[in-house]
Each structure stands twice: as structure tokens, then as C-alpha cells.
Full PDB file with SEQRES, HELIX, SHEET, SSBOND, CRYST1, ORIGX, SCALE, CONECT and MASTER records, all heavy atoms in Angstrom:
SEQRES   1 A   43  HIS VAL LYS GLU ILE ASN GLY LYS LEU TYR THR GLY ALA          
SEQRES   2 A   43  PHE ILE LEU CYS ALA ASN THR ALA TYR GLY HIS SER GLU          
SEQRES   3 A   43  LYS TYR LEU ASN HIS ILE ALA LEU PHE ARG HIS MET PHE          
SEQRES   4 A   43  ILE LEU ASP HIS                                              
HELIX    1 AA1 VAL A    2  ASN A    6  1                                   5    
HELIX    2 AA2 LYS A   27  ARG A   36  1                                  10    
HELIX    3 AA3 HIS A   37  LEU A   41  3                                   5    
CRYST1    1.000    1.000    1.000  90.00  90.00  90.00 P 1           1          
ORIGX1      1.000000  0.000000  0.000000        0.00000                         
ORIGX2      0.000000  1.000000  0.000000        0.00000                         
ORIGX3      0.000000  0.000000  1.000000        0.00000                         
SCALE1      1.000000  0.000000  0.000000        0.00000                         
SCALE2      0.000000  1.000000  0.000000        0.00000                         
SCALE3      0.000000  0.000000  1.000000        0.00000                         
ATOM      1  N   HIS A   1      76.099  47.043 107.439  1.00  0.00           N  
ATOM      2  CA  HIS A   1      76.186  48.236 106.585  1.00  0.00           C  
ATOM      3  C   HIS A   1      77.160  49.258 107.177  1.00  0.00           C  
ATOM      4  O   HIS A   1      78.020  49.793 106.467  1.00  0.00           O  
ATOM      5  CB  HIS A   1      74.796  48.849 106.435  1.00  0.00           C  
ATOM      6  CG  HIS A   1      74.792  50.204 105.807  1.00  0.00           C  
ATOM      7  ND1 HIS A   1      74.991  50.398 104.456  1.00  0.00           N  
ATOM      8  CD2 HIS A   1      74.625  51.448 106.354  1.00  0.00           C  
ATOM      9  CE1 HIS A   1      74.949  51.695 104.191  1.00  0.00           C  
ATOM     10  NE2 HIS A   1      74.734  52.352 105.317  1.00  0.00           N  
ATOM     11  N   VAL A   2      77.031  49.505 108.480  1.00  0.00           N  
ATOM     12  CA  VAL A   2      77.907  50.478 109.131  1.00  0.00           C  
ATOM     13  C   VAL A   2      79.357  50.015 109.068  1.00  0.00           C  
ATOM     14  O   VAL A   2      80.267  50.803 108.799  1.00  0.00           O  
ATOM     15  CB  VAL A   2      77.472  50.705 110.592  1.00  0.00           C  
ATOM     16  CG1 VAL A   2      78.445  51.659 111.300  1.00  0.00           C  
ATOM     17  CG2 VAL A   2      76.055  51.263 110.655  1.00  0.00           C  
ATOM     18  N   LYS A   3      79.574  48.739 109.298  1.00  0.00           N  
ATOM     19  CA  LYS A   3      80.937  48.200 109.249  1.00  0.00           C  
ATOM     20  C   LYS A   3      81.527  48.332 107.846  1.00  0.00           C  
ATOM     21  O   LYS A   3      82.703  48.640 107.680  1.00  0.00           O  
ATOM     22  CB  LYS A   3      80.937  46.731 109.684  1.00  0.00           C  
ATOM     23  CG  LYS A   3      82.323  46.133 109.877  1.00  0.00           C  
ATOM     24  CD  LYS A   3      82.219  44.740 110.494  1.00  0.00           C  
ATOM     25  CE  LYS A   3      83.612  44.216 110.862  1.00  0.00           C  
ATOM     26  NZ  LYS A   3      84.454  43.954 109.695  1.00  0.00           N  
ATOM     27  N   GLU A   4      80.700  48.129 106.847  1.00  0.00           N  
ATOM     28  CA  GLU A   4      81.178  48.212 105.467  1.00  0.00           C  
ATOM     29  C   GLU A   4      81.572  49.635 105.097  1.00  0.00           C  
ATOM     30  O   GLU A   4      82.598  49.860 104.446  1.00  0.00           O  
ATOM     31  CB  GLU A   4      80.101  47.707 104.507  1.00  0.00           C  
ATOM     32  CG  GLU A   4      80.533  47.733 103.050  1.00  0.00           C  
ATOM     33  CD  GLU A   4      79.455  47.213 102.116  1.00  0.00           C  
ATOM     34  OE1 GLU A   4      78.383  46.797 102.597  1.00  0.00           O  
ATOM     35  OE2 GLU A   4      79.691  47.233 100.888  1.00  0.00           O  
ATOM     36  N   ILE A   5      80.771  50.612 105.514  1.00  0.00           N  
ATOM     37  CA  ILE A   5      81.056  51.984 105.099  1.00  0.00           C  
ATOM     38  C   ILE A   5      82.089  52.667 105.999  1.00  0.00           C  
ATOM     39  O   ILE A   5      82.809  53.562 105.550  1.00  0.00           O  
ATOM     40  CB  ILE A   5      79.772  52.844 105.039  1.00  0.00           C  
ATOM     41  CG1 ILE A   5      79.126  52.967 106.423  1.00  0.00           C  
ATOM     42  CG2 ILE A   5      78.792  52.268 104.031  1.00  0.00           C  
ATOM     43  CD1 ILE A   5      77.939  53.938 106.452  1.00  0.00           C  
ATOM     44  N   ASN A   6      82.165  52.266 107.282  1.00  0.00           N  
ATOM     45  CA  ASN A   6      83.080  52.922 108.224  1.00  0.00           C  
ATOM     46  C   ASN A   6      84.296  52.073 108.565  1.00  0.00           C  
ATOM     47  O   ASN A   6      85.317  52.615 109.004  1.00  0.00           O  
ATOM     48  CB  ASN A   6      82.347  53.284 109.523  1.00  0.00           C  
ATOM     49  CG  ASN A   6      81.427  54.474 109.352  1.00  0.00           C  
ATOM     50  OD1 ASN A   6      81.492  55.175 108.345  1.00  0.00           O  
ATOM     51  ND2 ASN A   6      80.564  54.709 110.318  1.00  0.00           N  
ATOM     52  N   GLY A   7      84.169  50.776 108.432  1.00  0.00           N  
ATOM     53  CA  GLY A   7      85.251  49.881 108.800  1.00  0.00           C  
ATOM     54  C   GLY A   7      85.458  49.749 110.296  1.00  0.00           C  
ATOM     55  O   GLY A   7      86.374  49.071 110.747  1.00  0.00           O  
ATOM     56  N   LYS A   8      84.601  50.408 111.078  1.00  0.00           N  
ATOM     57  CA  LYS A   8      84.775  50.407 112.523  1.00  0.00           C  
ATOM     58  C   LYS A   8      83.423  50.505 113.201  1.00  0.00           C  
ATOM     59  O   LYS A   8      82.594  51.333 112.821  1.00  0.00           O  
ATOM     60  CB  LYS A   8      85.665  51.583 112.951  1.00  0.00           C  
ATOM     61  CG  LYS A   8      85.973  51.641 114.439  1.00  0.00           C  
ATOM     62  CD  LYS A   8      86.921  52.804 114.742  1.00  0.00           C  
ATOM     63  CE  LYS A   8      87.274  52.851 116.221  1.00  0.00           C  
ATOM     64  NZ  LYS A   8      88.183  53.969 116.545  1.00  0.00           N  
ATOM     65  N   LEU A   9      83.205  49.653 114.195  1.00  0.00           N  
ATOM     66  CA  LEU A   9      81.963  49.697 114.962  1.00  0.00           C  
ATOM     67  C   LEU A   9      82.200  50.085 116.417  1.00  0.00           C  
ATOM     68  O   LEU A   9      81.329  50.679 117.051  1.00  0.00           O  
ATOM     69  CB  LEU A   9      81.264  48.327 114.942  1.00  0.00           C  
ATOM     70  CG  LEU A   9      80.725  47.837 113.600  1.00  0.00           C  
ATOM     71  CD1 LEU A   9      80.203  46.406 113.750  1.00  0.00           C  
ATOM     72  CD2 LEU A   9      79.616  48.750 113.100  1.00  0.00           C  
ATOM     73  N   TYR A  10      83.363  49.735 116.937  1.00  0.00           N  
ATOM     74  CA  TYR A  10      83.609  49.817 118.375  1.00  0.00           C  
ATOM     75  C   TYR A  10      84.614  50.913 118.727  1.00  0.00           C  
ATOM     76  O   TYR A  10      85.481  51.257 117.928  1.00  0.00           O  
ATOM     77  CB  TYR A  10      84.158  48.481 118.893  1.00  0.00           C  
ATOM     78  CG  TYR A  10      83.196  47.326 118.747  1.00  0.00           C  
ATOM     79  CD1 TYR A  10      83.141  46.591 117.568  1.00  0.00           C  
ATOM     80  CD2 TYR A  10      82.348  46.969 119.789  1.00  0.00           C  
ATOM     81  CE1 TYR A  10      82.255  45.526 117.438  1.00  0.00           C  
ATOM     82  CE2 TYR A  10      81.464  45.901 119.657  1.00  0.00           C  
ATOM     83  CZ  TYR A  10      81.433  45.178 118.485  1.00  0.00           C  
ATOM     84  OH  TYR A  10      80.555  44.129 118.357  1.00  0.00           O  
ATOM     85  N   THR A  11      84.479  51.410 119.949  1.00  0.00           N  
ATOM     86  CA  THR A  11      85.503  52.258 120.523  1.00  0.00           C  
ATOM     87  C   THR A  11      86.560  51.376 121.174  1.00  0.00           C  
ATOM     88  O   THR A  11      86.344  50.183 121.374  1.00  0.00           O  
ATOM     89  CB  THR A  11      84.908  53.199 121.585  1.00  0.00           C  
ATOM     90  OG1 THR A  11      85.941  54.043 122.096  1.00  0.00           O  
ATOM     91  CG2 THR A  11      84.325  52.409 122.746  1.00  0.00           C  
ATOM     92  N   GLY A  12      87.684  51.969 121.530  1.00  0.00           N  
ATOM     93  CA  GLY A  12      88.696  51.223 122.259  1.00  0.00           C  
ATOM     94  C   GLY A  12      88.605  51.442 123.754  1.00  0.00           C  
ATOM     95  O   GLY A  12      89.490  51.035 124.498  1.00  0.00           O  
ATOM     96  N   ALA A  13      87.514  52.077 124.219  1.00  0.00           N  
ATOM     97  CA  ALA A  13      87.423  52.461 125.626  1.00  0.00           C  
ATOM     98  C   ALA A  13      87.264  51.271 126.554  1.00  0.00           C  
ATOM     99  O   ALA A  13      87.719  51.304 127.690  1.00  0.00           O  
ATOM    100  CB  ALA A  13      86.246  53.414 125.818  1.00  0.00           C  
ATOM    101  N   PHE A  14      86.592  50.216 126.081  1.00  0.00           N  
ATOM    102  CA  PHE A  14      86.355  49.059 126.932  1.00  0.00           C  
ATOM    103  C   PHE A  14      87.035  47.838 126.349  1.00  0.00           C  
ATOM    104  O   PHE A  14      87.017  47.632 125.133  1.00  0.00           O  
ATOM    105  CB  PHE A  14      84.855  48.770 127.070  1.00  0.00           C  
ATOM    106  CG  PHE A  14      84.102  49.833 127.823  1.00  0.00           C  
ATOM    107  CD1 PHE A  14      82.933  50.355 127.305  1.00  0.00           C  
ATOM    108  CD2 PHE A  14      84.562  50.301 129.040  1.00  0.00           C  
ATOM    109  CE1 PHE A  14      82.231  51.328 127.993  1.00  0.00           C  
ATOM    110  CE2 PHE A  14      83.868  51.275 129.732  1.00  0.00           C  
ATOM    111  CZ  PHE A  14      82.702  51.787 129.215  1.00  0.00           C  
ATOM    112  N   ILE A  15      87.604  47.034 127.233  1.00  0.00           N  
ATOM    113  CA  ILE A  15      88.123  45.739 126.813  1.00  0.00           C  
ATOM    114  C   ILE A  15      86.992  44.731 126.994  1.00  0.00           C  
ATOM    115  O   ILE A  15      86.621  44.397 128.118  1.00  0.00           O  
ATOM    116  CB  ILE A  15      89.357  45.333 127.644  1.00  0.00           C  
ATOM    117  CG1 ILE A  15      90.470  46.359 127.452  1.00  0.00           C  
ATOM    118  CG2 ILE A  15      89.832  43.934 127.256  1.00  0.00           C  
ATOM    119  CD1 ILE A  15      91.678  46.117 128.324  1.00  0.00           C  
ATOM    120  N   LEU A  16      86.426  44.266 125.885  1.00  0.00           N  
ATOM    121  CA  LEU A  16      85.292  43.356 125.955  1.00  0.00           C  
ATOM    122  C   LEU A  16      85.774  41.918 126.096  1.00  0.00           C  
ATOM    123  O   LEU A  16      86.874  41.568 125.685  1.00  0.00           O  
ATOM    124  CB  LEU A  16      84.426  43.502 124.691  1.00  0.00           C  
ATOM    125  CG  LEU A  16      83.863  44.907 124.447  1.00  0.00           C  
ATOM    126  CD1 LEU A  16      83.083  44.933 123.142  1.00  0.00           C  
ATOM    127  CD2 LEU A  16      82.975  45.351 125.594  1.00  0.00           C  
ATOM    128  N   CYS A  17      84.914  41.098 126.674  1.00  0.00           N  
ATOM    129  CA  CYS A  17      85.258  39.690 126.857  1.00  0.00           C  
ATOM    130  C   CYS A  17      85.444  39.002 125.509  1.00  0.00           C  
ATOM    131  O   CYS A  17      85.024  39.510 124.468  1.00  0.00           O  
ATOM    132  CB  CYS A  17      84.155  38.984 127.644  1.00  0.00           C  
ATOM    133  SG  CYS A  17      84.073  39.479 129.371  1.00  0.00           S  
ATOM    134  N   ALA A  18      86.044  37.817 125.554  1.00  0.00           N  
ATOM    135  CA  ALA A  18      86.294  37.031 124.339  1.00  0.00           C  
ATOM    136  C   ALA A  18      85.047  36.981 123.476  1.00  0.00           C  
ATOM    137  O   ALA A  18      83.945  36.751 123.970  1.00  0.00           O  
ATOM    138  CB  ALA A  18      86.736  35.622 124.724  1.00  0.00           C  
ATOM    139  N   ASN A  19      85.211  37.182 122.172  1.00  0.00           N  
ATOM    140  CA  ASN A  19      84.057  37.479 121.325  1.00  0.00           C  
ATOM    141  C   ASN A  19      83.495  36.295 120.563  1.00  0.00           C  
ATOM    142  O   ASN A  19      82.713  36.478 119.636  1.00  0.00           O  
ATOM    143  CB  ASN A  19      84.389  38.620 120.352  1.00  0.00           C  
ATOM    144  CG  ASN A  19      85.509  38.253 119.386  1.00  0.00           C  
ATOM    145  OD1 ASN A  19      85.734  37.078 119.092  1.00  0.00           O  
ATOM    146  ND2 ASN A  19      86.211  39.258 118.894  1.00  0.00           N  
ATOM    147  N   THR A  20      83.861  35.065 120.907  1.00  0.00           N  
ATOM    148  CA  THR A  20      83.348  33.922 120.141  1.00  0.00           C  
ATOM    149  C   THR A  20      82.406  33.042 120.959  1.00  0.00           C  
ATOM    150  O   THR A  20      82.181  31.887 120.623  1.00  0.00           O  
ATOM    151  CB  THR A  20      84.516  33.055 119.630  1.00  0.00           C  
ATOM    152  OG1 THR A  20      85.295  32.618 120.759  1.00  0.00           O  
ATOM    153  CG2 THR A  20      85.405  33.836 118.680  1.00  0.00           C  
ATOM    154  N   ALA A  21      81.844  33.577 122.019  1.00  0.00           N  
ATOM    155  CA  ALA A  21      80.998  32.772 122.905  1.00  0.00           C  
ATOM    156  C   ALA A  21      79.790  32.182 122.190  1.00  0.00           C  
ATOM    157  O   ALA A  21      79.298  31.123 122.571  1.00  0.00           O  
ATOM    158  CB  ALA A  21      80.537  33.606 124.092  1.00  0.00           C  
ATOM    159  N   TYR A  22      79.319  32.858 121.168  1.00  0.00           N  
ATOM    160  CA  TYR A  22      78.144  32.363 120.438  1.00  0.00           C  
ATOM    161  C   TYR A  22      78.524  31.741 119.094  1.00  0.00           C  
ATOM    162  O   TYR A  22      77.659  31.522 118.243  1.00  0.00           O  
ATOM    163  CB  TYR A  22      77.125  33.488 120.269  1.00  0.00           C  
ATOM    164  CG  TYR A  22      76.452  33.855 121.578  1.00  0.00           C  
ATOM    165  CD1 TYR A  22      76.988  34.861 122.387  1.00  0.00           C  
ATOM    166  CD2 TYR A  22      75.320  33.184 122.018  1.00  0.00           C  
ATOM    167  CE1 TYR A  22      76.390  35.192 123.592  1.00  0.00           C  
ATOM    168  CE2 TYR A  22      74.711  33.512 123.223  1.00  0.00           C  
ATOM    169  CZ  TYR A  22      75.251  34.513 124.005  1.00  0.00           C  
ATOM    170  OH  TYR A  22      74.663  34.834 125.214  1.00  0.00           O  
ATOM    171  N   GLY A  23      79.825  31.495 118.894  1.00  0.00           N  
ATOM    172  CA  GLY A  23      80.268  30.727 117.747  1.00  0.00           C  
ATOM    173  C   GLY A  23      80.498  31.484 116.466  1.00  0.00           C  
ATOM    174  O   GLY A  23      80.713  30.883 115.406  1.00  0.00           O  
ATOM    175  N   HIS A  24      80.489  32.823 116.522  1.00  0.00           N  
ATOM    176  CA  HIS A  24      80.689  33.624 115.311  1.00  0.00           C  
ATOM    177  C   HIS A  24      82.112  34.178 115.276  1.00  0.00           C  
ATOM    178  O   HIS A  24      82.694  34.512 116.310  1.00  0.00           O  
ATOM    179  CB  HIS A  24      79.687  34.774 115.254  1.00  0.00           C  
ATOM    180  CG  HIS A  24      78.258  34.339 115.237  1.00  0.00           C  
ATOM    181  ND1 HIS A  24      77.649  33.808 114.120  1.00  0.00           N  
ATOM    182  CD2 HIS A  24      77.309  34.337 116.216  1.00  0.00           C  
ATOM    183  CE1 HIS A  24      76.393  33.516 114.400  1.00  0.00           C  
ATOM    184  NE2 HIS A  24      76.163  33.827 115.667  1.00  0.00           N  
ATOM    185  N   SER A  25      82.639  34.331 114.099  1.00  0.00           N  
ATOM    186  CA  SER A  25      83.985  34.893 113.963  1.00  0.00           C  
ATOM    187  C   SER A  25      83.972  36.414 114.065  1.00  0.00           C  
ATOM    188  O   SER A  25      84.976  37.025 114.429  1.00  0.00           O  
ATOM    189  CB  SER A  25      84.603  34.462 112.628  1.00  0.00           C  
ATOM    190  OG  SER A  25      83.793  34.896 111.544  1.00  0.00           O  
ATOM    191  N   GLU A  26      82.850  37.040 113.741  1.00  0.00           N  
ATOM    192  CA  GLU A  26      82.727  38.499 113.814  1.00  0.00           C  
ATOM    193  C   GLU A  26      82.218  38.897 115.204  1.00  0.00           C  
ATOM    194  O   GLU A  26      81.217  38.365 115.697  1.00  0.00           O  
ATOM    195  CB  GLU A  26      81.750  39.006 112.750  1.00  0.00           C  
ATOM    196  CG  GLU A  26      82.264  38.901 111.332  1.00  0.00           C  
ATOM    197  CD  GLU A  26      83.083  40.111 110.938  1.00  0.00           C  
ATOM    198  OE1 GLU A  26      83.368  40.952 111.815  1.00  0.00           O  
ATOM    199  OE2 GLU A  26      83.425  40.217 109.753  1.00  0.00           O  
ATOM    200  N   LYS A  27      82.900  39.859 115.823  1.00  0.00           N  
ATOM    201  CA  LYS A  27      82.516  40.298 117.166  1.00  0.00           C  
ATOM    202  C   LYS A  27      81.057  40.759 117.207  1.00  0.00           C  
ATOM    203  O   LYS A  27      80.304  40.387 118.120  1.00  0.00           O  
ATOM    204  CB  LYS A  27      83.443  41.427 117.621  1.00  0.00           C  
ATOM    205  CG  LYS A  27      83.180  41.901 119.046  1.00  0.00           C  
ATOM    206  CD  LYS A  27      83.939  43.167 119.387  1.00  0.00           C  
ATOM    207  CE  LYS A  27      85.420  42.957 119.424  1.00  0.00           C  
ATOM    208  NZ  LYS A  27      86.132  44.173 119.929  1.00  0.00           N  
ATOM    209  N   TYR A  28      80.655  41.568 116.241  1.00  0.00           N  
ATOM    210  CA  TYR A  28      79.309  42.136 116.299  1.00  0.00           C  
ATOM    211  C   TYR A  28      78.229  41.074 116.162  1.00  0.00           C  
ATOM    212  O   TYR A  28      77.134  41.207 116.718  1.00  0.00           O  
ATOM    213  CB  TYR A  28      79.132  43.256 115.272  1.00  0.00           C  
ATOM    214  CG  TYR A  28      78.879  42.829 113.849  1.00  0.00           C  
ATOM    215  CD1 TYR A  28      77.582  42.671 113.370  1.00  0.00           C  
ATOM    216  CD2 TYR A  28      79.937  42.608 112.966  1.00  0.00           C  
ATOM    217  CE1 TYR A  28      77.346  42.304 112.048  1.00  0.00           C  
ATOM    218  CE2 TYR A  28      79.716  42.240 111.657  1.00  0.00           C  
ATOM    219  CZ  TYR A  28      78.419  42.085 111.201  1.00  0.00           C  
ATOM    220  OH  TYR A  28      78.179  41.717 109.896  1.00  0.00           O  
ATOM    221  N   LEU A  29      78.522  39.975 115.447  1.00  0.00           N  
ATOM    222  CA  LEU A  29      77.539  38.894 115.325  1.00  0.00           C  
ATOM    223  C   LEU A  29      77.365  38.167 116.662  1.00  0.00           C  
ATOM    224  O   LEU A  29      76.250  37.738 116.999  1.00  0.00           O  
ATOM    225  CB  LEU A  29      77.956  37.924 114.224  1.00  0.00           C  
ATOM    226  CG  LEU A  29      77.926  38.473 112.799  1.00  0.00           C  
ATOM    227  CD1 LEU A  29      78.429  37.431 111.804  1.00  0.00           C  
ATOM    228  CD2 LEU A  29      76.519  38.948 112.419  1.00  0.00           C  
ATOM    229  N   ASN A  30      78.438  38.028 117.413  1.00  0.00           N  
ATOM    230  CA  ASN A  30      78.313  37.459 118.750  1.00  0.00           C  
ATOM    231  C   ASN A  30      77.511  38.373 119.663  1.00  0.00           C  
ATOM    232  O   ASN A  30      76.738  37.904 120.498  1.00  0.00           O  
ATOM    233  CB  ASN A  30      79.698  37.199 119.341  1.00  0.00           C  
ATOM    234  CG  ASN A  30      80.351  35.956 118.761  1.00  0.00           C  
ATOM    235  OD1 ASN A  30      80.021  34.836 119.121  1.00  0.00           O  
ATOM    236  ND2 ASN A  30      81.280  36.161 117.835  1.00  0.00           N  
ATOM    237  N   HIS A  31      77.675  39.668 119.493  1.00  0.00           N  
ATOM    238  CA  HIS A  31      76.910  40.590 120.320  1.00  0.00           C  
ATOM    239  C   HIS A  31      75.429  40.601 119.929  1.00  0.00           C  
ATOM    240  O   HIS A  31      74.567  40.700 120.803  1.00  0.00           O  
ATOM    241  CB  HIS A  31      77.526  41.987 120.252  1.00  0.00           C  
ATOM    242  CG  HIS A  31      78.818  42.083 120.984  1.00  0.00           C  
ATOM    243  ND1 HIS A  31      79.839  42.929 120.619  1.00  0.00           N  
ATOM    244  CD2 HIS A  31      79.280  41.390 122.061  1.00  0.00           C  
ATOM    245  CE1 HIS A  31      80.864  42.777 121.456  1.00  0.00           C  
ATOM    246  NE2 HIS A  31      80.546  41.857 122.324  1.00  0.00           N  
ATOM    247  N   ILE A  32      75.138  40.483 118.652  1.00  0.00           N  
ATOM    248  CA  ILE A  32      73.740  40.339 118.248  1.00  0.00           C  
ATOM    249  C   ILE A  32      73.145  39.079 118.871  1.00  0.00           C  
ATOM    250  O   ILE A  32      72.010  39.083 119.380  1.00  0.00           O  
ATOM    251  CB  ILE A  32      73.620  40.282 116.709  1.00  0.00           C  
ATOM    252  CG1 ILE A  32      73.891  41.661 116.102  1.00  0.00           C  
ATOM    253  CG2 ILE A  32      72.237  39.773 116.294  1.00  0.00           C  
ATOM    254  CD1 ILE A  32      72.788  42.678 116.333  1.00  0.00           C  
ATOM    255  N   ALA A  33      73.905  37.977 118.851  1.00  0.00           N  
ATOM    256  CA  ALA A  33      73.434  36.733 119.458  1.00  0.00           C  
ATOM    257  C   ALA A  33      73.214  36.915 120.962  1.00  0.00           C  
ATOM    258  O   ALA A  33      72.247  36.384 121.533  1.00  0.00           O  
ATOM    259  CB  ALA A  33      74.425  35.609 119.189  1.00  0.00           C  
ATOM    260  N   LEU A  34      74.109  37.665 121.606  1.00  0.00           N  
ATOM    261  CA  LEU A  34      73.940  37.954 123.024  1.00  0.00           C  
ATOM    262  C   LEU A  34      72.660  38.754 123.261  1.00  0.00           C  
ATOM    263  O   LEU A  34      71.890  38.451 124.185  1.00  0.00           O  
ATOM    264  CB  LEU A  34      75.150  38.730 123.538  1.00  0.00           C  
ATOM    265  CG  LEU A  34      75.032  39.319 124.947  1.00  0.00           C  
ATOM    266  CD1 LEU A  34      74.859  38.217 125.987  1.00  0.00           C  
ATOM    267  CD2 LEU A  34      76.253  40.178 125.277  1.00  0.00           C  
ATOM    268  N   PHE A  35      72.429  39.772 122.445  1.00  0.00           N  
ATOM    269  CA  PHE A  35      71.219  40.586 122.609  1.00  0.00           C  
ATOM    270  C   PHE A  35      69.962  39.736 122.429  1.00  0.00           C  
ATOM    271  O   PHE A  35      68.970  39.917 123.146  1.00  0.00           O  
ATOM    272  CB  PHE A  35      71.208  41.749 121.621  1.00  0.00           C  
ATOM    273  CG  PHE A  35      72.380  42.688 121.743  1.00  0.00           C  
ATOM    274  CD1 PHE A  35      72.818  43.431 120.639  1.00  0.00           C  
ATOM    275  CD2 PHE A  35      73.065  42.841 122.941  1.00  0.00           C  
ATOM    276  CE1 PHE A  35      73.890  44.295 120.736  1.00  0.00           C  
ATOM    277  CE2 PHE A  35      74.149  43.702 123.048  1.00  0.00           C  
ATOM    278  CZ  PHE A  35      74.563  44.435 121.944  1.00  0.00           C  
ATOM    279  N   ARG A  36      69.992  38.802 121.469  1.00  0.00           N  
ATOM    280  CA  ARG A  36      68.846  37.901 121.284  1.00  0.00           C  
ATOM    281  C   ARG A  36      68.645  37.029 122.529  1.00  0.00           C  
ATOM    282  O   ARG A  36      67.506  36.802 122.966  1.00  0.00           O  
ATOM    283  CB  ARG A  36      69.073  37.021 120.059  1.00  0.00           C  
ATOM    284  CG  ARG A  36      68.961  37.742 118.725  1.00  0.00           C  
ATOM    285  CD  ARG A  36      68.878  36.730 117.576  1.00  0.00           C  
ATOM    286  NE  ARG A  36      68.824  37.393 116.284  1.00  0.00           N  
ATOM    287  CZ  ARG A  36      69.778  37.334 115.369  1.00  0.00           C  
ATOM    288  NH1 ARG A  36      70.879  36.616 115.594  1.00  0.00           N  
ATOM    289  NH2 ARG A  36      69.656  37.958 114.223  1.00  0.00           N  
ATOM    290  N   HIS A  37      69.756  36.516 123.049  1.00  0.00           N  
ATOM    291  CA  HIS A  37      69.704  35.717 124.263  1.00  0.00           C  
ATOM    292  C   HIS A  37      69.043  36.518 125.384  1.00  0.00           C  
ATOM    293  O   HIS A  37      68.147  36.035 126.092  1.00  0.00           O  
ATOM    294  CB  HIS A  37      71.138  35.319 124.635  1.00  0.00           C  
ATOM    295  CG  HIS A  37      71.251  34.447 125.840  1.00  0.00           C  
ATOM    296  ND1 HIS A  37      72.471  33.959 126.294  1.00  0.00           N  
ATOM    297  CD2 HIS A  37      70.332  33.972 126.719  1.00  0.00           C  
ATOM    298  CE1 HIS A  37      72.281  33.233 127.373  1.00  0.00           C  
ATOM    299  NE2 HIS A  37      70.994  33.225 127.658  1.00  0.00           N  
ATOM    300  N   MET A  38      69.488  37.762 125.537  1.00  0.00           N  
ATOM    301  CA  MET A  38      68.982  38.599 126.614  1.00  0.00           C  
ATOM    302  C   MET A  38      67.499  38.944 126.456  1.00  0.00           C  
ATOM    303  O   MET A  38      66.697  38.747 127.375  1.00  0.00           O  
ATOM    304  CB  MET A  38      69.788  39.909 126.668  1.00  0.00           C  
ATOM    305  CG  MET A  38      71.204  39.804 127.163  1.00  0.00           C  
ATOM    306  SD  MET A  38      72.028  41.417 126.945  1.00  0.00           S  
ATOM    307  CE  MET A  38      73.215  41.365 128.285  1.00  0.00           C  
ATOM    308  N   PHE A  39      67.165  39.479 125.285  1.00  0.00           N  
ATOM    309  CA  PHE A  39      65.871  40.141 125.135  1.00  0.00           C  
ATOM    310  C   PHE A  39      64.797  39.305 124.440  1.00  0.00           C  
ATOM    311  O   PHE A  39      63.611  39.565 124.640  1.00  0.00           O  
ATOM    312  CB  PHE A  39      66.055  41.474 124.408  1.00  0.00           C  
ATOM    313  CG  PHE A  39      66.819  42.479 125.205  1.00  0.00           C  
ATOM    314  CD1 PHE A  39      68.179  42.661 125.011  1.00  0.00           C  
ATOM    315  CD2 PHE A  39      66.191  43.225 126.189  1.00  0.00           C  
ATOM    316  CE1 PHE A  39      68.897  43.574 125.771  1.00  0.00           C  
ATOM    317  CE2 PHE A  39      66.894  44.136 126.953  1.00  0.00           C  
ATOM    318  CZ  PHE A  39      68.252  44.315 126.747  1.00  0.00           C  
ATOM    319  N   ILE A  40      65.183  38.335 123.643  1.00  0.00           N  
ATOM    320  CA  ILE A  40      64.192  37.490 122.979  1.00  0.00           C  
ATOM    321  C   ILE A  40      63.946  36.217 123.794  1.00  0.00           C  
ATOM    322  O   ILE A  40      62.791  35.864 124.077  1.00  0.00           O  
ATOM    323  CB  ILE A  40      64.639  37.118 121.549  1.00  0.00           C  
ATOM    324  CG1 ILE A  40      64.913  38.381 120.726  1.00  0.00           C  
ATOM    325  CG2 ILE A  40      63.590  36.240 120.881  1.00  0.00           C  
ATOM    326  CD1 ILE A  40      63.719  39.292 120.549  1.00  0.00           C  
ATOM    327  N   LEU A  41      65.024  35.555 124.203  1.00  0.00           N  
ATOM    328  CA  LEU A  41      64.877  34.297 124.947  1.00  0.00           C  
ATOM    329  C   LEU A  41      64.596  34.537 126.433  1.00  0.00           C  
ATOM    330  O   LEU A  41      63.711  33.896 127.009  1.00  0.00           O  
ATOM    331  CB  LEU A  41      66.140  33.447 124.790  1.00  0.00           C  
ATOM    332  CG  LEU A  41      66.469  32.966 123.373  1.00  0.00           C  
ATOM    333  CD1 LEU A  41      67.768  32.164 123.377  1.00  0.00           C  
ATOM    334  CD2 LEU A  41      65.326  32.134 122.810  1.00  0.00           C  
ATOM    335  N   ASP A  42      65.349  35.443 127.053  1.00  0.00           N  
ATOM    336  CA  ASP A  42      65.262  35.616 128.502  1.00  0.00           C  
ATOM    337  C   ASP A  42      64.360  36.761 128.947  1.00  0.00           C  
ATOM    338  O   ASP A  42      64.099  36.898 130.142  1.00  0.00           O  
ATOM    339  CB  ASP A  42      66.663  35.858 129.081  1.00  0.00           C  
ATOM    340  CG  ASP A  42      67.476  34.600 129.216  1.00  0.00           C  
ATOM    341  OD1 ASP A  42      66.992  33.534 128.809  1.00  0.00           O  
ATOM    342  OD2 ASP A  42      68.617  34.681 129.718  1.00  0.00           O  
ATOM    343  N   HIS A  43      63.937  37.609 128.037  1.00  0.00           N  
ATOM    344  CA  HIS A  43      63.106  38.771 128.392  1.00  0.00           C  
ATOM    345  C   HIS A  43      63.770  39.579 129.519  1.00  0.00           C  
ATOM    346  O   HIS A  43      63.138  39.920 130.529  1.00  0.00           O  
ATOM    347  CB  HIS A  43      61.694  38.332 128.798  1.00  0.00           C  
ATOM    348  CG  HIS A  43      60.997  37.528 127.744  1.00  0.00           C  
ATOM    349  ND1 HIS A  43      60.518  38.094 126.584  1.00  0.00           N  
ATOM    350  CD2 HIS A  43      60.745  36.195 127.658  1.00  0.00           C  
ATOM    351  CE1 HIS A  43      59.969  37.155 125.827  1.00  0.00           C  
ATOM    352  NE2 HIS A  43      60.102  35.997 126.441  1.00  0.00           N  
TER     353      HIS A  43                                                      
MASTER        0    0    0    3    0    0    0    6  352    1    0    4          
END                                                                             
């Protein structure tokens, strides 16, 4: 929703690692997958 209305989610302050580690084309979907990995699977 935020991406649709603003067209932007991220700042340019940090250079983030390659964004397809979890197989998604959208950066934010890979980050959601990372958060699930961290907090749902790994606690």
C-alpha cells in the first residue's frame, strides 16, 4: 500500500545487499522473507 501511494519505501542512506536472496523480484518482499526467517523461524 505504501509503495503504491508513495512510490518509494527506502532511503538512499544505506547500500543494502543484493535483494534477491529469497527469490523475489521486489526488494521489500525479500526483506519480508528475511524478517520471517529471523523472527518466525529462528526466533
